[in-house]
Protein backbone atom coordinates (compact mmCIF):
# COMPACT_ATOMS: atom_id res chain seq x y z
CA MET A 1 -7.46 -151.18 -153.57
CA THR A 2 -7.14 -150.15 -157.21
CA LYS A 3 -4.05 -150.90 -159.22
CA ASP A 4 -1.91 -147.88 -160.16
CA PRO A 5 -1.28 -148.06 -163.94
CA TYR A 6 1.35 -145.29 -163.78
CA ARG A 7 3.41 -146.58 -160.85
CA TYR A 8 6.48 -147.66 -162.83
CA PHE A 9 6.12 -144.90 -165.38
CA ARG A 10 6.29 -142.24 -162.64
CA ILE A 11 9.51 -143.73 -161.28
CA GLU A 12 11.16 -143.73 -164.72
CA ALA A 13 9.71 -140.37 -165.70
CA ARG A 14 10.99 -138.67 -162.55
CA GLU A 15 14.49 -140.03 -163.19
CA LEU A 16 14.37 -138.87 -166.80
CA LEU A 17 13.01 -135.48 -165.73
CA GLU A 18 15.85 -135.06 -163.26
CA GLY A 19 18.34 -135.86 -166.01
CA LEU A 20 16.67 -133.44 -168.40
CA GLY A 21 16.72 -130.62 -165.87
CA ALA A 22 20.36 -131.17 -164.93
CA SER A 23 21.37 -131.44 -168.58
CA VAL A 24 19.63 -128.20 -169.55
CA LEU A 25 21.51 -126.47 -166.74
CA ASP A 26 24.75 -128.03 -168.05
CA LEU A 27 23.88 -126.78 -171.53
CA GLU A 28 23.41 -123.26 -170.19
CA LYS A 29 27.01 -123.37 -168.97
CA THR A 30 28.37 -124.77 -172.25
CA PRO A 31 25.76 -124.11 -174.95
CA SER A 32 27.71 -125.82 -177.74
CA ASP A 33 28.52 -129.07 -175.89
CA ARG A 34 27.46 -131.84 -178.28
CA ASP A 35 27.70 -134.47 -175.53
CA VAL A 36 25.12 -132.63 -173.45
CA ILE A 37 22.91 -132.12 -176.50
CA GLY A 38 23.15 -135.83 -177.27
CA ARG A 39 22.27 -136.69 -173.65
CA LEU A 40 19.24 -134.40 -173.76
CA LEU A 41 18.08 -135.94 -177.03
CA ARG A 42 18.38 -139.48 -175.61
CA LEU A 43 16.54 -138.58 -172.40
CA ALA A 44 13.76 -136.83 -174.30
CA HIS A 45 13.43 -139.72 -176.74
CA THR A 46 13.21 -142.25 -173.91
CA LEU A 47 10.60 -140.19 -172.08
CA LYS A 48 8.61 -139.71 -175.29
CA GLY A 49 8.47 -143.47 -175.87
CA ALA A 50 7.58 -144.31 -172.27
CA SER A 51 4.83 -141.67 -172.29
CA ARG A 52 3.34 -143.07 -175.46
CA VAL A 53 3.28 -146.57 -173.99
CA VAL A 54 1.09 -145.38 -171.10
CA LYS A 55 -0.91 -143.06 -173.37
CA LEU A 56 0.18 -139.75 -171.80
CA ALA A 57 0.23 -137.72 -175.00
CA ALA A 58 0.94 -134.33 -173.40
CA ILE A 59 4.19 -135.56 -171.86
CA ALA A 60 5.17 -137.23 -175.14
CA GLN A 61 4.47 -133.99 -177.01
CA HIS A 62 6.65 -131.99 -174.62
CA ALA A 63 9.47 -134.53 -174.98
CA HIS A 64 9.13 -134.36 -178.75
CA ALA A 65 9.29 -130.57 -178.59
CA ILE A 66 12.61 -130.87 -176.72
CA GLU A 67 13.90 -133.01 -179.58
CA ASP A 68 12.67 -130.44 -182.09
CA VAL A 69 14.51 -127.60 -180.32
CA LEU A 70 17.77 -129.55 -180.14
CA ALA A 71 17.80 -131.39 -183.48
CA PRO A 72 19.41 -128.50 -185.42
CA PHE A 73 22.33 -128.48 -182.96
CA ARG A 74 23.07 -132.22 -183.06
CA GLU A 75 25.70 -132.01 -185.82
CA THR A 76 27.00 -128.49 -185.37
CA ARG A 77 29.24 -126.65 -182.95
CA ALA A 78 26.90 -123.65 -182.95
CA PRO A 79 25.82 -122.69 -179.43
CA VAL A 80 22.21 -123.15 -178.46
CA PRO A 81 20.72 -119.63 -178.23
CA GLN A 82 19.37 -118.39 -174.91
CA ALA A 83 15.83 -118.29 -176.30
CA ASP A 84 16.05 -122.02 -177.05
CA LEU A 85 17.50 -122.71 -173.60
CA ASP A 86 14.58 -120.82 -172.07
CA ARG A 87 12.19 -122.90 -174.18
CA LEU A 88 13.86 -126.10 -173.00
CA LEU A 89 13.43 -125.03 -169.37
CA GLN A 90 9.74 -124.30 -170.01
CA LEU A 91 9.27 -127.72 -171.57
CA VAL A 92 11.02 -129.47 -168.69
CA ASP A 93 8.85 -127.55 -166.20
CA GLY A 94 5.75 -128.54 -168.18
CA ILE A 95 6.77 -132.19 -168.10
CA GLY A 96 7.33 -131.95 -164.35
CA ALA A 97 3.88 -130.49 -163.82
CA ARG A 98 2.27 -133.22 -165.89
CA ILE A 99 4.14 -135.97 -164.06
CA ALA A 100 3.06 -134.46 -160.74
CA SER A 101 -0.54 -134.41 -161.93
CA ILE A 102 -0.59 -138.21 -162.27
CA ASP A 103 0.68 -138.73 -158.73
CA PRO A 104 -1.89 -140.83 -156.85
CA ALA A 105 -1.09 -138.94 -153.66
CA SER A 106 -2.62 -135.85 -155.27
CA GLU A 107 -5.87 -137.65 -156.02
CA PRO A 108 -8.65 -137.61 -153.41
CA GLU A 109 -9.03 -140.86 -151.51
CA LYS A 110 -12.02 -142.96 -152.46
CA ALA A 111 -14.23 -144.33 -149.75
CA ILE A 112 -14.04 -148.09 -149.29
CA PRO A 113 -17.49 -149.60 -149.78
């Protein structure tokens, strides 16, 4: 049996992804809520770091892109435009797809010699 190098990462990443998705939906309801923006920035930053530790650059890049979208709204009361909210949803979906792609259940079973 081979050791799964992403086992703990997947657990953390799924939790962070769930938080990101819920927070983007919260932000759609109140697009100028600085608390939600701060939460999204923290979740994205945590996911970015965890992804870099396990060398999953695509997930880290998506998390960084979330930070880039939200950074201008960190210190302002300006609402996040719908185009940026749509971009955030795309990024969260992309992260979800990449996390799913490292699921060992999706890999073909190897024959035992």
